[in-house]
Amino acid sequence: MSRYTGSSYKQARRVGFSVSETGKELARRPYGPGQHGNARKGKLSDYGTQLKEKQKVRFMYGVNERQFRKTFNEASKMKGVHGTNFLRLLESRLDNLVYRIGFANTRRGARQLVNHGHVTVNGKKVDIPSYRVKTGDVISIKEDDKNLKVVTEALAKVTKRVEFISYDEGKMEATYVRMPERNELNADINEALIVEFYNK
């Protein structure tokens, strides 16, 4: 399945949820895209509600359906709450953590940085966006690329970082300290609906 390369604003408006978690996509036009996006729609069925929740999370992390399902199945084998474990695994993706650190303004930009070989994990280049980062791993920009304009501009905009990442400004590297707690993740996601969707 090919990756979606269209507008993330259109995706956000389609599911009524800010996939960048900034709220910018819905600030001006908080309704669906297209000619009839502002028309009143009927109530969603249970299936429609579950599907919409799944799409919200899939669009947010920029994951295709196959990877999404594979991660969901992996989460089912872990101890603890299935839905929470699923979100934790998605948060542990390298492209997502590069975005959380602030090396890129968007997850799509973070994926590009990883794809182009600008990112290292524990000193070794990793160019796979879906790479699963383990707790204690150190993520950095390659020494030769630390002055990349796109990276320095993104870092300049960072005002706050998540608590499960510690960042060393002098070395321009971050450590994935621990997996996030559920209350540190997006409160507008109801992961139980995604579990229901796949467990039908």
N, C-alpha and C. Protein backbone atom coordinates (compact mmCIF):
# COMPACT_ATOMS: atom_id res chain seq x y z
N MET A 1 0.85 -1.19 0.00
CA MET A 1 0.00 0.00 0.00
C MET A 1 0.89 1.25 0.00
N SER A 2 0.64 2.14 -0.94
CA SER A 2 1.48 3.34 -1.04
C SER A 2 1.13 4.33 0.07
N ARG A 3 2.11 5.13 0.44
CA ARG A 3 1.92 6.10 1.51
C ARG A 3 1.16 7.32 1.01
N TYR A 4 0.28 7.85 1.83
CA TYR A 4 -0.49 9.06 1.49
C TYR A 4 0.46 10.25 1.44
N THR A 5 0.41 10.99 0.34
CA THR A 5 1.29 12.16 0.19
C THR A 5 0.50 13.46 0.02
N GLY A 6 -0.81 13.38 0.21
CA GLY A 6 -1.65 14.57 0.05
C GLY A 6 -1.60 15.48 1.27
N SER A 7 -2.58 16.37 1.35
CA SER A 7 -2.62 17.38 2.41
C SER A 7 -3.01 16.77 3.76
N SER A 8 -2.20 17.06 4.78
CA SER A 8 -2.53 16.58 6.13
C SER A 8 -3.71 17.40 6.68
N TYR A 9 -3.89 18.63 6.18
CA TYR A 9 -5.03 19.45 6.60
C TYR A 9 -6.33 18.79 6.16
N LYS A 10 -6.32 18.23 4.96
CA LYS A 10 -7.52 17.57 4.44
C LYS A 10 -7.84 16.33 5.28
N GLN A 11 -6.78 15.59 5.65
CA GLN A 11 -6.98 14.41 6.50
C GLN A 11 -7.58 14.83 7.85
N ALA A 12 -7.03 15.89 8.43
CA ALA A 12 -7.49 16.35 9.74
C ALA A 12 -8.96 16.76 9.68
N ARG A 13 -9.33 17.48 8.63
CA ARG A 13 -10.71 17.93 8.52
C ARG A 13 -11.66 16.76 8.26
N ARG A 14 -11.14 15.73 7.58
CA ARG A 14 -11.98 14.57 7.29
C ARG A 14 -12.40 13.85 8.57
N VAL A 15 -11.47 13.75 9.53
CA VAL A 15 -11.79 13.04 10.78
C VAL A 15 -12.11 13.98 11.94
N GLY A 16 -12.06 15.31 11.68
CA GLY A 16 -12.38 16.29 12.72
C GLY A 16 -11.43 16.25 13.90
N PHE A 17 -10.13 16.08 13.58
CA PHE A 17 -9.12 15.89 14.63
C PHE A 17 -7.79 16.43 14.13
N SER A 18 -7.09 17.17 14.97
CA SER A 18 -5.81 17.75 14.57
C SER A 18 -4.72 16.68 14.58
N VAL A 19 -4.32 16.21 13.39
CA VAL A 19 -3.33 15.13 13.31
C VAL A 19 -1.93 15.63 13.69
N SER A 20 -1.71 16.93 13.67
CA SER A 20 -0.41 17.48 14.09
C SER A 20 -0.39 17.79 15.59
N GLU A 21 -1.57 17.67 16.21
CA GLU A 21 -1.77 17.95 17.65
C GLU A 21 -1.56 19.43 17.99
N THR A 22 -1.64 20.29 16.99
CA THR A 22 -1.48 21.74 17.23
C THR A 22 -2.82 22.47 17.13
N GLY A 23 -3.79 21.85 16.46
CA GLY A 23 -5.10 22.48 16.27
C GLY A 23 -5.16 23.41 15.07
N LYS A 24 -4.02 23.61 14.40
CA LYS A 24 -3.96 24.56 13.27
C LYS A 24 -4.87 24.16 12.12
N GLU A 25 -4.97 22.84 11.86
CA GLU A 25 -5.72 22.39 10.69
C GLU A 25 -7.21 22.73 10.77
N LEU A 26 -7.73 22.79 11.99
CA LEU A 26 -9.17 23.00 12.16
C LEU A 26 -9.51 24.42 12.62
N ALA A 27 -8.50 25.25 12.77
CA ALA A 27 -8.72 26.61 13.29
C ALA A 27 -9.63 27.43 12.38
N ARG A 28 -9.38 27.38 11.07
CA ARG A 28 -10.16 28.21 10.15
C ARG A 28 -11.40 27.51 9.61
N ARG A 29 -11.25 26.21 9.33
CA ARG A 29 -12.40 25.48 8.75
C ARG A 29 -12.61 24.16 9.49
N PRO A 30 -13.34 24.21 10.60
CA PRO A 30 -13.52 23.01 11.42
C PRO A 30 -14.61 22.07 10.89
N TYR A 31 -14.60 21.81 9.60
CA TYR A 31 -15.59 20.90 9.00
C TYR A 31 -14.89 20.12 7.90
N GLY A 32 -15.58 19.11 7.38
CA GLY A 32 -14.99 18.21 6.39
C GLY A 32 -14.57 18.91 5.11
N PRO A 33 -13.61 18.31 4.37
CA PRO A 33 -13.15 18.91 3.12
C PRO A 33 -14.18 18.72 2.00
N GLY A 34 -14.02 19.46 0.92
CA GLY A 34 -14.89 19.27 -0.25
C GLY A 34 -16.11 20.16 -0.26
N GLN A 35 -16.84 20.07 -1.35
CA GLN A 35 -18.01 20.93 -1.61
C GLN A 35 -19.08 20.81 -0.52
N HIS A 36 -19.25 19.60 0.01
CA HIS A 36 -20.32 19.38 0.99
C HIS A 36 -19.79 19.21 2.41
N GLY A 37 -18.57 19.64 2.63
CA GLY A 37 -17.94 19.45 3.94
C GLY A 37 -18.65 20.14 5.08
N ASN A 38 -19.35 21.23 4.76
CA ASN A 38 -20.03 22.00 5.81
C ASN A 38 -21.47 21.56 6.02
N ALA A 39 -21.93 20.61 5.19
CA ALA A 39 -23.32 20.15 5.30
C ALA A 39 -23.48 19.28 6.54
N ARG A 40 -24.67 19.28 7.09
CA ARG A 40 -24.93 18.49 8.29
C ARG A 40 -24.94 17.00 7.91
N LYS A 41 -24.26 16.21 8.72
CA LYS A 41 -24.19 14.78 8.44
C LYS A 41 -24.96 14.03 9.50
N GLY A 42 -25.48 12.84 9.12
CA GLY A 42 -26.21 12.00 10.06
C GLY A 42 -25.29 11.41 11.11
N LYS A 43 -25.90 10.80 12.13
CA LYS A 43 -25.13 10.19 13.22
C LYS A 43 -24.38 8.98 12.70
N LEU A 44 -23.11 8.84 13.13
CA LEU A 44 -22.30 7.70 12.71
C LEU A 44 -22.76 6.43 13.41
N SER A 45 -22.67 5.30 12.71
CA SER A 45 -22.95 4.00 13.32
C SER A 45 -21.78 3.66 14.25
N ASP A 46 -21.93 2.58 15.03
CA ASP A 46 -20.83 2.16 15.91
C ASP A 46 -19.58 1.85 15.08
N TYR A 47 -19.80 1.17 13.96
CA TYR A 47 -18.67 0.83 13.08
C TYR A 47 -18.00 2.11 12.56
N GLY A 48 -18.82 3.08 12.16
CA GLY A 48 -18.30 4.34 11.63
C GLY A 48 -17.48 5.10 12.67
N THR A 49 -17.96 5.07 13.92
CA THR A 49 -17.25 5.73 15.03
C THR A 49 -15.90 5.07 15.28
N GLN A 50 -15.90 3.74 15.26
CA GLN A 50 -14.65 3.00 15.49
C GLN A 50 -13.66 3.22 14.35
N LEU A 51 -14.17 3.21 13.12
CA LEU A 51 -13.32 3.43 11.95
C LEU A 51 -12.69 4.83 11.99
N LYS A 52 -13.52 5.81 12.36
CA LYS A 52 -13.03 7.19 12.43
C LYS A 52 -11.91 7.32 13.46
N GLU A 53 -12.08 6.64 14.60
CA GLU A 53 -11.06 6.69 15.66
C GLU A 53 -9.75 6.06 15.17
N LYS A 54 -9.89 4.95 14.46
CA LYS A 54 -8.70 4.28 13.90
C LYS A 54 -7.99 5.20 12.92
N GLN A 55 -8.76 5.86 12.05
CA GLN A 55 -8.17 6.75 11.04
C GLN A 55 -7.49 7.95 11.68
N LYS A 56 -8.08 8.46 12.77
CA LYS A 56 -7.47 9.59 13.50
C LYS A 56 -6.04 9.25 13.91
N VAL A 57 -5.89 8.08 14.53
CA VAL A 57 -4.58 7.67 15.04
C VAL A 57 -3.63 7.33 13.90
N ARG A 58 -4.16 6.67 12.88
CA ARG A 58 -3.32 6.28 11.73
C ARG A 58 -2.80 7.52 11.00
N PHE A 59 -3.67 8.51 10.81
CA PHE A 59 -3.26 9.76 10.15
C PHE A 59 -2.26 10.53 11.02
N MET A 60 -2.50 10.52 12.34
CA MET A 60 -1.64 11.27 13.25
C MET A 60 -0.19 10.76 13.19
N TYR A 61 -0.03 9.45 13.22
CA TYR A 61 1.32 8.88 13.20
C TYR A 61 1.86 8.65 11.79
N GLY A 62 1.00 8.86 10.77
CA GLY A 62 1.43 8.72 9.38
C GLY A 62 1.82 7.30 9.02
N VAL A 63 1.04 6.34 9.53
CA VAL A 63 1.36 4.92 9.33
C VAL A 63 0.37 4.32 8.33
N ASN A 64 0.86 3.45 7.43
CA ASN A 64 -0.07 2.81 6.51
C ASN A 64 -0.82 1.68 7.22
N GLU A 65 -1.86 1.19 6.59
CA GLU A 65 -2.76 0.22 7.24
C GLU A 65 -2.03 -1.05 7.67
N ARG A 66 -1.12 -1.54 6.84
CA ARG A 66 -0.42 -2.79 7.15
C ARG A 66 0.46 -2.64 8.40
N GLN A 67 1.22 -1.55 8.46
CA GLN A 67 2.08 -1.30 9.62
C GLN A 67 1.24 -1.09 10.88
N PHE A 68 0.12 -0.39 10.69
CA PHE A 68 -0.78 -0.08 11.81
C PHE A 68 -1.30 -1.37 12.43
N ARG A 69 -1.77 -2.28 11.58
CA ARG A 69 -2.32 -3.56 12.04
C ARG A 69 -1.24 -4.43 12.68
N LYS A 70 -0.06 -4.40 12.09
CA LYS A 70 1.07 -5.19 12.62
C LYS A 70 1.43 -4.71 14.04
N THR A 71 1.47 -3.39 14.22
CA THR A 71 1.78 -2.81 15.53
C THR A 71 0.69 -3.17 16.54
N PHE A 72 -0.57 -3.13 16.09
CA PHE A 72 -1.71 -3.48 16.95
C PHE A 72 -1.57 -4.92 17.43
N ASN A 73 -1.20 -5.83 16.53
CA ASN A 73 -1.04 -7.24 16.89
C ASN A 73 0.12 -7.44 17.87
N GLU A 74 1.20 -6.67 17.68
CA GLU A 74 2.34 -6.74 18.62
C GLU A 74 1.92 -6.31 20.01
N ALA A 75 1.10 -5.24 20.07
CA ALA A 75 0.63 -4.72 21.36
C ALA A 75 -0.21 -5.74 22.11
N SER A 76 -0.91 -6.61 21.37
CA SER A 76 -1.78 -7.61 21.99
C SER A 76 -0.97 -8.66 22.76
N LYS A 77 0.31 -8.80 22.43
CA LYS A 77 1.16 -9.82 23.08
C LYS A 77 1.88 -9.25 24.31
N MET A 78 1.70 -7.96 24.57
CA MET A 78 2.37 -7.33 25.71
C MET A 78 1.47 -7.38 26.95
N LYS A 79 2.10 -7.32 28.12
CA LYS A 79 1.33 -7.27 29.36
C LYS A 79 0.75 -5.88 29.52
N GLY A 80 -0.43 -5.81 30.14
CA GLY A 80 -1.05 -4.50 30.36
C GLY A 80 -2.24 -4.27 29.46
N VAL A 81 -2.66 -3.01 29.36
CA VAL A 81 -3.85 -2.64 28.59
C VAL A 81 -3.49 -2.57 27.10
N HIS A 82 -4.23 -3.32 26.30
CA HIS A 82 -3.93 -3.44 24.87
C HIS A 82 -3.87 -2.08 24.17
N GLY A 83 -4.88 -1.25 24.37
CA GLY A 83 -4.94 0.04 23.69
C GLY A 83 -3.80 0.96 24.08
N THR A 84 -3.47 0.99 25.37
CA THR A 84 -2.36 1.84 25.85
C THR A 84 -1.03 1.35 25.30
N ASN A 85 -0.84 0.02 25.31
CA ASN A 85 0.40 -0.55 24.75
C ASN A 85 0.55 -0.22 23.27
N PHE A 86 -0.57 -0.22 22.58
CA PHE A 86 -0.58 0.10 21.15
C PHE A 86 -0.08 1.53 20.91
N LEU A 87 -0.60 2.48 21.68
CA LEU A 87 -0.16 3.87 21.55
C LEU A 87 1.31 4.03 21.94
N ARG A 88 1.74 3.28 22.95
CA ARG A 88 3.14 3.35 23.37
C ARG A 88 4.07 2.86 22.26
N LEU A 89 3.67 1.80 21.57
CA LEU A 89 4.50 1.29 20.47
C LEU A 89 4.57 2.31 19.33
N LEU A 90 3.46 2.97 19.05
CA LEU A 90 3.45 4.00 17.99
C LEU A 90 4.34 5.17 18.40
N GLU A 91 4.32 5.52 19.69
CA GLU A 91 5.17 6.61 20.18
C GLU A 91 6.65 6.25 20.11
N SER A 92 6.95 4.95 20.14
CA SER A 92 8.35 4.50 20.14
C SER A 92 8.96 4.43 18.74
N ARG A 93 8.18 4.75 17.71
CA ARG A 93 8.72 4.79 16.35
C ARG A 93 9.77 5.91 16.26
N LEU A 94 10.83 5.66 15.50
CA LEU A 94 11.90 6.65 15.39
C LEU A 94 11.41 7.97 14.81
N ASP A 95 10.59 7.91 13.75
CA ASP A 95 10.12 9.17 13.14
C ASP A 95 9.31 10.00 14.13
N ASN A 96 8.49 9.33 14.97
CA ASN A 96 7.69 10.06 15.94
C ASN A 96 8.58 10.71 17.00
N LEU A 97 9.60 9.99 17.47
CA LEU A 97 10.47 10.54 18.50
C LEU A 97 11.34 11.68 17.97
N VAL A 98 11.74 11.60 16.71
CA VAL A 98 12.49 12.71 16.08
C VAL A 98 11.61 13.96 16.09
N TYR A 99 10.31 13.76 15.84
CA TYR A 99 9.34 14.87 15.87
C TYR A 99 9.16 15.37 17.31
N ARG A 100 9.01 14.46 18.27
CA ARG A 100 8.81 14.85 19.67
C ARG A 100 10.02 15.61 20.22
N ILE A 101 11.21 15.22 19.78
CA ILE A 101 12.43 15.89 20.24
C ILE A 101 12.46 17.33 19.73
N GLY A 102 11.95 17.53 18.50
CA GLY A 102 11.95 18.86 17.91
C GLY A 102 12.92 19.04 16.77
N PHE A 103 13.48 17.92 16.26
CA PHE A 103 14.38 18.00 15.11
C PHE A 103 13.62 18.33 13.83
N ALA A 104 12.30 18.16 13.86
CA ALA A 104 11.45 18.48 12.70
C ALA A 104 10.14 19.08 13.20
N ASN A 105 9.51 19.90 12.35
CA ASN A 105 8.25 20.56 12.74
C ASN A 105 7.04 19.65 12.62
N THR A 106 7.15 18.62 11.79
CA THR A 106 6.04 17.69 11.57
C THR A 106 6.56 16.26 11.55
N ARG A 107 5.65 15.31 11.73
CA ARG A 107 6.07 13.90 11.65
C ARG A 107 6.51 13.56 10.24
N ARG A 108 5.89 14.18 9.27
CA ARG A 108 6.28 13.93 7.87
C ARG A 108 7.71 14.42 7.63
N GLY A 109 8.02 15.59 8.20
CA GLY A 109 9.38 16.13 8.09
C GLY A 109 10.38 15.25 8.82
N ALA A 110 9.96 14.70 9.97
CA ALA A 110 10.83 13.80 10.75
C ALA A 110 11.11 12.53 9.95
N ARG A 111 10.08 12.02 9.28
CA ARG A 111 10.26 10.80 8.47
C ARG A 111 11.27 11.05 7.36
N GLN A 112 11.21 12.23 6.77
CA GLN A 112 12.14 12.58 5.70
C GLN A 112 13.58 12.65 6.22
N LEU A 113 13.75 13.26 7.40
CA LEU A 113 15.09 13.33 8.01
C LEU A 113 15.68 11.94 8.21
N VAL A 114 14.83 11.03 8.70
CA VAL A 114 15.28 9.65 8.95
C VAL A 114 15.60 8.95 7.62
N ASN A 115 14.66 9.07 6.66
CA ASN A 115 14.85 8.43 5.35
C ASN A 115 16.13 8.86 4.66
N HIS A 116 16.50 10.13 4.82
CA HIS A 116 17.67 10.68 4.15
C HIS A 116 18.97 10.44 4.92
N GLY A 117 18.87 9.67 6.01
CA GLY A 117 20.07 9.25 6.73
C GLY A 117 20.70 10.30 7.63
N HIS A 118 19.91 11.27 8.10
CA HIS A 118 20.46 12.32 8.96
C HIS A 118 20.42 11.98 10.45
N VAL A 119 19.75 10.86 10.79
CA VAL A 119 19.52 10.54 12.20
C VAL A 119 20.32 9.32 12.64
N THR A 120 20.83 9.38 13.87
CA THR A 120 21.54 8.22 14.44
C THR A 120 20.85 7.76 15.71
N VAL A 121 20.95 6.47 15.98
CA VAL A 121 20.48 5.90 17.25
C VAL A 121 21.69 5.20 17.87
N ASN A 122 22.06 5.63 19.07
CA ASN A 122 23.26 5.11 19.75
C ASN A 122 24.50 5.21 18.86
N GLY A 123 24.59 6.32 18.11
CA GLY A 123 25.77 6.59 17.29
C GLY A 123 25.77 5.93 15.92
N LYS A 124 24.76 5.10 15.63
CA LYS A 124 24.70 4.43 14.32
C LYS A 124 23.56 4.99 13.48
N LYS A 125 23.85 5.21 12.20
CA LYS A 125 22.82 5.76 11.31
C LYS A 125 21.66 4.77 11.17
N VAL A 126 20.45 5.29 11.31
CA VAL A 126 19.24 4.48 11.10
C VAL A 126 18.35 5.24 10.13
N ASP A 127 18.03 4.62 8.99
CA ASP A 127 17.21 5.32 8.00
C ASP A 127 15.85 4.66 7.78
N ILE A 128 15.37 3.98 8.84
CA ILE A 128 14.05 3.32 8.78
C ILE A 128 13.11 4.06 9.74
N PRO A 129 12.15 4.83 9.22
CA PRO A 129 11.26 5.62 10.08
C PRO A 129 10.50 4.79 11.12
N SER A 130 10.16 3.53 10.78
CA SER A 130 9.38 2.70 11.70
C SER A 130 10.24 1.98 12.73
N TYR A 131 11.55 2.24 12.72
CA TYR A 131 12.47 1.60 13.67
C TYR A 131 11.96 1.79 15.09
N ARG A 132 11.91 0.70 15.87
CA ARG A 132 11.40 0.75 17.24
C ARG A 132 12.53 1.15 18.19
N VAL A 133 12.41 2.31 18.76
CA VAL A 133 13.42 2.81 19.69
C VAL A 133 13.17 2.18 21.06
N LYS A 134 14.23 1.73 21.72
CA LYS A 134 14.11 1.12 23.04
C LYS A 134 14.43 2.16 24.11
N THR A 135 13.90 1.94 25.30
CA THR A 135 14.19 2.87 26.40
C THR A 135 15.70 2.86 26.67
N GLY A 136 16.24 4.04 26.85
CA GLY A 136 17.69 4.17 27.07
C GLY A 136 18.45 4.51 25.79
N ASP A 137 17.82 4.34 24.63
CA ASP A 137 18.48 4.66 23.35
C ASP A 137 18.67 6.17 23.21
N VAL A 138 19.78 6.54 22.58
CA VAL A 138 20.11 7.95 22.37
C VAL A 138 19.93 8.30 20.89
N ILE A 139 19.09 9.31 20.64
CA ILE A 139 18.79 9.75 19.27
C ILE A 139 19.48 11.08 19.01
N SER A 140 20.15 11.17 17.88
CA SER A 140 20.87 12.40 17.56
C SER A 140 20.85 12.65 16.05
N ILE A 141 21.23 13.86 15.67
CA ILE A 141 21.45 14.18 14.26
C ILE A 141 22.92 13.89 13.97
N LYS A 142 23.20 13.32 12.80
CA LYS A 142 24.59 13.02 12.42
C LYS A 142 25.46 14.25 12.60
N GLU A 143 26.69 14.05 13.05
CA GLU A 143 27.61 15.15 13.34
C GLU A 143 27.71 16.14 12.19
N ASP A 144 27.83 15.62 10.95
CA ASP A 144 27.99 16.50 9.77
C ASP A 144 26.72 17.29 9.45
N ASP A 145 25.57 16.84 10.00
CA ASP A 145 24.28 17.46 9.63
C ASP A 145 23.69 18.34 10.72
N LYS A 146 24.45 18.57 11.80
CA LYS A 146 23.90 19.31 12.94
C LYS A 146 23.60 20.77 12.63
N ASN A 147 24.17 21.28 11.56
CA ASN A 147 23.89 22.66 11.17
C ASN A 147 22.85 22.76 10.05
N LEU A 148 22.19 21.65 9.77
CA LEU A 148 21.14 21.67 8.73
C LEU A 148 20.11 22.73 9.09
N LYS A 149 19.79 23.57 8.12
CA LYS A 149 18.87 24.68 8.36
C LYS A 149 17.51 24.20 8.86
N VAL A 150 17.00 23.14 8.25
CA VAL A 150 15.68 22.63 8.61
C VAL A 150 15.65 22.16 10.07
N VAL A 151 16.77 21.62 10.56
CA VAL A 151 16.86 21.14 11.95
C VAL A 151 16.99 22.31 12.92
N THR A 152 17.90 23.24 12.63
CA THR A 152 18.11 24.39 13.54
C THR A 152 16.85 25.26 13.64
N GLU A 153 16.14 25.40 12.51
CA GLU A 153 14.89 26.19 12.53
C GLU A 153 13.82 25.50 13.36
N ALA A 154 13.73 24.17 13.23
CA ALA A 154 12.73 23.41 13.99
C ALA A 154 13.04 23.48 15.49
N LEU A 155 14.31 23.32 15.86
CA LEU A 155 14.71 23.37 17.27
C LEU A 155 14.44 24.74 17.89
N ALA A 156 14.59 25.78 17.08
CA ALA A 156 14.37 27.14 17.57
C ALA A 156 12.90 27.37 17.97
N LYS A 157 12.00 26.58 17.40
CA LYS A 157 10.57 26.75 17.68
C LYS A 157 10.09 25.93 18.88
N VAL A 158 10.94 25.06 19.41
CA VAL A 158 10.52 24.18 20.51
C VAL A 158 10.39 24.99 21.80
N THR A 159 9.24 24.87 22.44
CA THR A 159 9.02 25.57 23.71
C THR A 159 8.95 24.57 24.88
N LYS A 160 8.51 23.34 24.56
CA LYS A 160 8.35 22.33 25.61
C LYS A 160 8.50 20.95 25.00
N ARG A 161 9.08 20.03 25.77
CA ARG A 161 9.21 18.63 25.31
C ARG A 161 8.47 17.70 26.26
N VAL A 162 8.14 16.52 25.74
CA VAL A 162 7.47 15.52 26.57
C VAL A 162 8.45 15.00 27.62
N GLU A 163 7.91 14.54 28.75
CA GLU A 163 8.75 14.17 29.89
C GLU A 163 9.45 12.82 29.72
N PHE A 164 9.01 12.01 28.76
CA PHE A 164 9.66 10.71 28.60
C PHE A 164 10.89 10.80 27.68
N ILE A 165 11.26 12.04 27.32
CA ILE A 165 12.48 12.28 26.55
C ILE A 165 13.33 13.30 27.30
N SER A 166 14.63 13.01 27.46
CA SER A 166 15.52 14.03 28.03
C SER A 166 16.44 14.52 26.92
N TYR A 167 16.59 15.84 26.83
CA TYR A 167 17.34 16.42 25.71
C TYR A 167 18.58 17.16 26.21
N ASP A 168 19.72 16.89 25.59
CA ASP A 168 20.98 17.57 25.89
C ASP A 168 21.24 18.59 24.79
N GLU A 169 21.04 19.86 25.14
CA GLU A 169 21.15 20.93 24.14
C GLU A 169 22.57 21.06 23.59
N GLY A 170 23.55 20.88 24.45
CA GLY A 170 24.94 21.02 24.02
C GLY A 170 25.35 19.97 23.00
N LYS A 171 24.90 18.74 23.23
CA LYS A 171 25.26 17.63 22.31
C LYS A 171 24.25 17.46 21.18
N MET A 172 23.12 18.15 21.28
CA MET A 172 22.02 18.01 20.31
C MET A 172 21.60 16.54 20.18
N GLU A 173 21.38 15.93 21.34
CA GLU A 173 20.93 14.53 21.35
C GLU A 173 19.90 14.33 22.45
N ALA A 174 19.07 13.32 22.27
CA ALA A 174 18.00 13.05 23.24
C ALA A 174 18.01 11.58 23.63
N THR A 175 17.61 11.33 24.85
CA THR A 175 17.50 9.95 25.34
C THR A 175 16.03 9.62 25.56
N TYR A 176 15.62 8.45 25.05
CA TYR A 176 14.26 7.96 25.26
C TYR A 176 14.26 7.31 26.65
N VAL A 177 13.92 8.09 27.65
CA VAL A 177 14.06 7.68 29.05
C VAL A 177 13.17 6.51 29.42
N ARG A 178 11.92 6.57 28.98
CA ARG A 178 10.93 5.53 29.34
C ARG A 178 9.77 5.59 28.37
N MET A 179 8.96 4.55 28.40
CA MET A 179 7.73 4.58 27.60
C MET A 179 6.75 5.57 28.26
N PRO A 180 5.95 6.25 27.45
CA PRO A 180 5.04 7.24 28.03
C PRO A 180 3.90 6.62 28.83
N GLU A 181 3.41 7.38 29.81
CA GLU A 181 2.19 7.00 30.52
C GLU A 181 1.00 7.44 29.67
N ARG A 182 -0.14 6.82 29.89
CA ARG A 182 -1.31 7.15 29.06
C ARG A 182 -1.70 8.62 29.20
N ASN A 183 -1.57 9.18 30.41
CA ASN A 183 -1.98 10.58 30.61
C ASN A 183 -1.02 11.58 29.95
N GLU A 184 0.10 11.10 29.40
CA GLU A 184 1.02 11.97 28.68
C GLU A 184 0.74 11.99 27.18
N LEU A 185 -0.19 11.15 26.77
CA LEU A 185 -0.54 11.06 25.35
C LEU A 185 -1.86 11.79 25.08
N ASN A 186 -2.19 11.93 23.81
CA ASN A 186 -3.34 12.72 23.40
C ASN A 186 -4.65 12.24 24.06
N ALA A 187 -5.27 13.14 24.80
CA ALA A 187 -6.50 12.79 25.55
C ALA A 187 -7.71 12.66 24.63
N ASP A 188 -7.61 13.18 23.40
CA ASP A 188 -8.75 13.12 22.47
C ASP A 188 -8.82 11.80 21.71
N ILE A 189 -7.94 10.87 22.02
CA ILE A 189 -7.95 9.55 21.37
C ILE A 189 -8.63 8.55 22.30
N ASN A 190 -9.57 7.80 21.74
CA ASN A 190 -10.22 6.72 22.51
C ASN A 190 -9.75 5.39 21.91
N GLU A 191 -8.62 4.90 22.41
CA GLU A 191 -8.01 3.69 21.84
C GLU A 191 -8.87 2.45 22.02
N ALA A 192 -9.79 2.47 22.99
CA ALA A 192 -10.68 1.33 23.20
C ALA A 192 -11.53 1.07 21.95
N LEU A 193 -11.89 2.15 21.24
CA LEU A 193 -12.68 1.99 20.00
C LEU A 193 -11.87 1.29 18.91
N ILE A 194 -10.55 1.52 18.89
CA ILE A 194 -9.70 0.86 17.90
C ILE A 194 -9.60 -0.63 18.22
N VAL A 195 -9.48 -0.94 19.51
CA VAL A 195 -9.44 -2.35 19.94
C VAL A 195 -10.74 -3.03 19.53
N GLU A 196 -11.87 -2.36 19.76
CA GLU A 196 -13.18 -2.92 19.36
C GLU A 196 -13.24 -3.13 17.85
N PHE A 197 -12.71 -2.16 17.09
CA PHE A 197 -12.75 -2.23 15.63
C PHE A 197 -12.03 -3.49 15.13
N TYR A 198 -10.85 -3.75 15.65
CA TYR A 198 -10.06 -4.89 15.18
C TYR A 198 -10.48 -6.22 15.78
N ASN A 199 -11.17 -6.17 16.91
CA ASN A 199 -11.54 -7.43 17.58
C ASN A 199 -12.92 -7.93 17.19
N LYS A 200 -13.52 -7.33 16.17
CA LYS A 200 -14.84 -7.78 15.72
C LYS A 200 -14.75 -9.14 15.08
